């Protein structure tokens, strides 16, 4: 047998004003998130980012997002799948 450790991955949807796009994307990348899409509103005032992020890396994200967006950013997440934990993290 070749056992491996699995971790839950969440589908995360983030909405924020477009002026904060760079810092929001950087924060998702720091949390080992894989950005699936990034769309701008019709009027260009806001962005919607969809990403896959491991659940363990999402703790404390609410506070970080509020800090980065001056309280204007929101996010929601739901379970997506389980993936194998990288060997260097086991």
C-alpha atoms as a PDB file:
ATOM      1  CA  UNK A   1       0.000   0.000   0.000  1.00  0.00           C
ATOM      2  CA  UNK A   2       1.064   3.553  -0.662  1.00  0.00           C
ATOM      3  CA  UNK A   3      -0.927   5.729   1.782  1.00  0.00           C
ATOM      4  CA  UNK A   4      -1.133   9.482   1.369  1.00  0.00           C
ATOM      5  CA  UNK A   5      -2.620  12.356   3.334  1.00  0.00           C
ATOM      6  CA  UNK A   6      -5.504  14.241   1.728  1.00  0.00           C
ATOM      7  CA  UNK A   7      -6.674  17.785   2.414  1.00  0.00           C
ATOM      8  CA  UNK A   8      -9.937  19.517   1.514  1.00  0.00           C
ATOM      9  CA  UNK A   9      -9.854  22.159  -1.208  1.00  0.00           C
ATOM     10  CA  UNK A  10     -12.408  24.953  -1.233  1.00  0.00           C
ATOM     11  CA  UNK A  11     -13.913  26.854  -4.156  1.00  0.00           C
ATOM     12  CA  UNK A  12     -13.511  30.518  -3.128  1.00  0.00           C
ATOM     13  CA  UNK A  13     -15.350  33.452  -4.741  1.00  0.00           C
ATOM     14  CA  UNK A  14     -13.994  36.886  -3.886  1.00  0.00           C
ATOM     15  CA  UNK A  15     -15.655  40.195  -4.728  1.00  0.00           C
ATOM     16  CA  UNK A  16     -13.780  43.459  -4.202  1.00  0.00           C
ATOM     17  CA  UNK A  17     -13.368  46.913  -5.751  1.00  0.00           C
ATOM     18  CA  UNK A  18     -11.122  46.780  -8.822  1.00  0.00           C
ATOM     19  CA  UNK A  19      -8.529  49.101  -7.271  1.00  0.00           C
ATOM     20  CA  UNK A  20      -7.546  46.270  -4.894  1.00  0.00           C
ATOM     21  CA  UNK A  21      -7.178  43.556  -7.547  1.00  0.00           C
ATOM     22  CA  UNK A  22      -3.387  43.263  -7.293  1.00  0.00           C
ATOM     23  CA  UNK A  23      -3.286  42.872  -3.534  1.00  0.00           C
ATOM     24  CA  UNK A  24      -6.232  40.429  -3.486  1.00  0.00           C
ATOM     25  CA  UNK A  25      -4.626  38.217  -6.162  1.00  0.00           C
ATOM     26  CA  UNK A  26      -1.297  38.316  -4.299  1.00  0.00           C
ATOM     27  CA  UNK A  27      -3.018  37.239  -1.073  1.00  0.00           C
ATOM     28  CA  UNK A  28      -4.661  34.272  -2.824  1.00  0.00           C
ATOM     29  CA  UNK A  29      -1.308  33.250  -4.312  1.00  0.00           C
ATOM     30  CA  UNK A  30       0.370  33.421  -0.882  1.00  0.00           C
ATOM     31  CA  UNK A  31      -2.244  30.960   0.367  1.00  0.00           C
ATOM     32  CA  UNK A  32      -1.356  28.471  -2.401  1.00  0.00           C
ATOM     33  CA  UNK A  33      -4.565  29.260  -4.283  1.00  0.00           C
ATOM     34  CA  UNK A  34      -5.099  28.433  -7.957  1.00  0.00           C
ATOM     35  CA  UNK A  35      -7.004  31.256  -9.631  1.00  0.00           C
ATOM     36  CA  UNK A  36      -9.621  29.855 -12.009  1.00  0.00           C
ATOM     37  CA  UNK A  37     -11.091  33.131 -13.279  1.00  0.00           C
ATOM     38  CA  UNK A  38     -10.931  36.858 -12.747  1.00  0.00           C
ATOM     39  CA  UNK A  39     -13.754  39.014 -14.123  1.00  0.00           C
ATOM     40  CA  UNK A  40     -14.505  42.721 -13.939  1.00  0.00           C
ATOM     41  CA  UNK A  41     -17.996  44.197 -13.523  1.00  0.00           C
ATOM     42  CA  UNK A  42     -19.636  45.844 -16.531  1.00  0.00           C
ATOM     43  CA  UNK A  43     -18.934  49.310 -15.134  1.00  0.00           C
ATOM     44  CA  UNK A  44     -15.356  48.407 -14.134  1.00  0.00           C
ATOM     45  CA  UNK A  45     -15.872  49.214 -10.466  1.00  0.00           C
ATOM     46  CA  UNK A  46     -15.429  45.706  -9.033  1.00  0.00           C
ATOM     47  CA  UNK A  47     -13.808  42.352  -9.633  1.00  0.00           C
ATOM     48  CA  UNK A  48     -14.871  38.776  -9.012  1.00  0.00           C
ATOM     49  CA  UNK A  49     -12.110  36.214  -8.537  1.00  0.00           C
ATOM     50  CA  UNK A  50     -12.779  32.468  -8.400  1.00  0.00           C
ATOM     51  CA  UNK A  51      -9.997  30.310  -6.955  1.00  0.00           C
ATOM     52  CA  UNK A  52      -9.312  26.876  -5.486  1.00  0.00           C
ATOM     53  CA  UNK A  53      -7.581  27.136  -2.106  1.00  0.00           C
ATOM     54  CA  UNK A  54      -6.735  24.447   0.491  1.00  0.00           C
ATOM     55  CA  UNK A  55      -8.953  24.841   3.561  1.00  0.00           C
ATOM     56  CA  UNK A  56      -6.011  24.900   5.974  1.00  0.00           C
ATOM     57  CA  UNK A  57      -4.706  28.028   4.212  1.00  0.00           C
ATOM     58  CA  UNK A  58      -8.015  29.895   4.487  1.00  0.00           C
ATOM     59  CA  UNK A  59      -7.926  30.455   8.242  1.00  0.00           C
ATOM     60  CA  UNK A  60      -7.589  34.177   8.926  1.00  0.00           C
ATOM     61  CA  UNK A  61      -8.427  35.161   5.349  1.00  0.00           C
ATOM     62  CA  UNK A  62     -11.508  37.150   6.337  1.00  0.00           C
ATOM     63  CA  UNK A  63      -9.422  39.544   8.415  1.00  0.00           C
ATOM     64  CA  UNK A  64      -6.733  39.804   5.735  1.00  0.00           C
ATOM     65  CA  UNK A  65      -9.278  40.553   2.995  1.00  0.00           C
ATOM     66  CA  UNK A  66     -10.910  43.271   5.080  1.00  0.00           C
ATOM     67  CA  UNK A  67      -7.494  44.839   5.730  1.00  0.00           C
ATOM     68  CA  UNK A  68      -6.479  44.729   2.070  1.00  0.00           C
ATOM     69  CA  UNK A  69      -9.751  46.212   0.777  1.00  0.00           C
ATOM     70  CA  UNK A  70     -10.513  48.730   3.529  1.00  0.00           C
ATOM     71  CA  UNK A  71     -13.508  46.617   4.563  1.00  0.00           C
ATOM     72  CA  UNK A  72     -15.049  46.525   1.073  1.00  0.00           C
ATOM     73  CA  UNK A  73     -14.094  42.967   0.039  1.00  0.00           C
ATOM     74  CA  UNK A  74     -16.283  39.899   0.529  1.00  0.00           C
ATOM     75  CA  UNK A  75     -15.735  36.208  -0.071  1.00  0.00           C
ATOM     76  CA  UNK A  76     -17.593  32.937   0.106  1.00  0.00           C
ATOM     77  CA  UNK A  77     -16.279  29.405  -0.027  1.00  0.00           C
ATOM     78  CA  UNK A  78     -17.663  25.918  -0.441  1.00  0.00           C
ATOM     79  CA  UNK A  79     -16.168  22.458  -0.456  1.00  0.00           C
ATOM     80  CA  UNK A  80     -14.847  21.367  -3.855  1.00  0.00           C
ATOM     81  CA  UNK A  81     -12.684  18.230  -3.501  1.00  0.00           C
ATOM     82  CA  UNK A  82      -9.830  16.538  -1.669  1.00  0.00           C
ATOM     83  CA  UNK A  83      -6.274  16.542  -3.038  1.00  0.00           C
ATOM     84  CA  UNK A  84      -3.062  14.898  -1.918  1.00  0.00           C
ATOM     85  CA  UNK A  85      -0.923  16.995   0.420  1.00  0.00           C
ATOM     86  CA  UNK A  86       2.468  17.823  -1.143  1.00  0.00           C
ATOM     87  CA  UNK A  87       5.260  15.522   0.084  1.00  0.00           C
ATOM     88  CA  UNK A  88       7.231  18.431   1.581  1.00  0.00           C
ATOM     89  CA  UNK A  89       4.254  19.375   3.772  1.00  0.00           C
ATOM     90  CA  UNK A  90       3.447  15.910   5.171  1.00  0.00           C
END
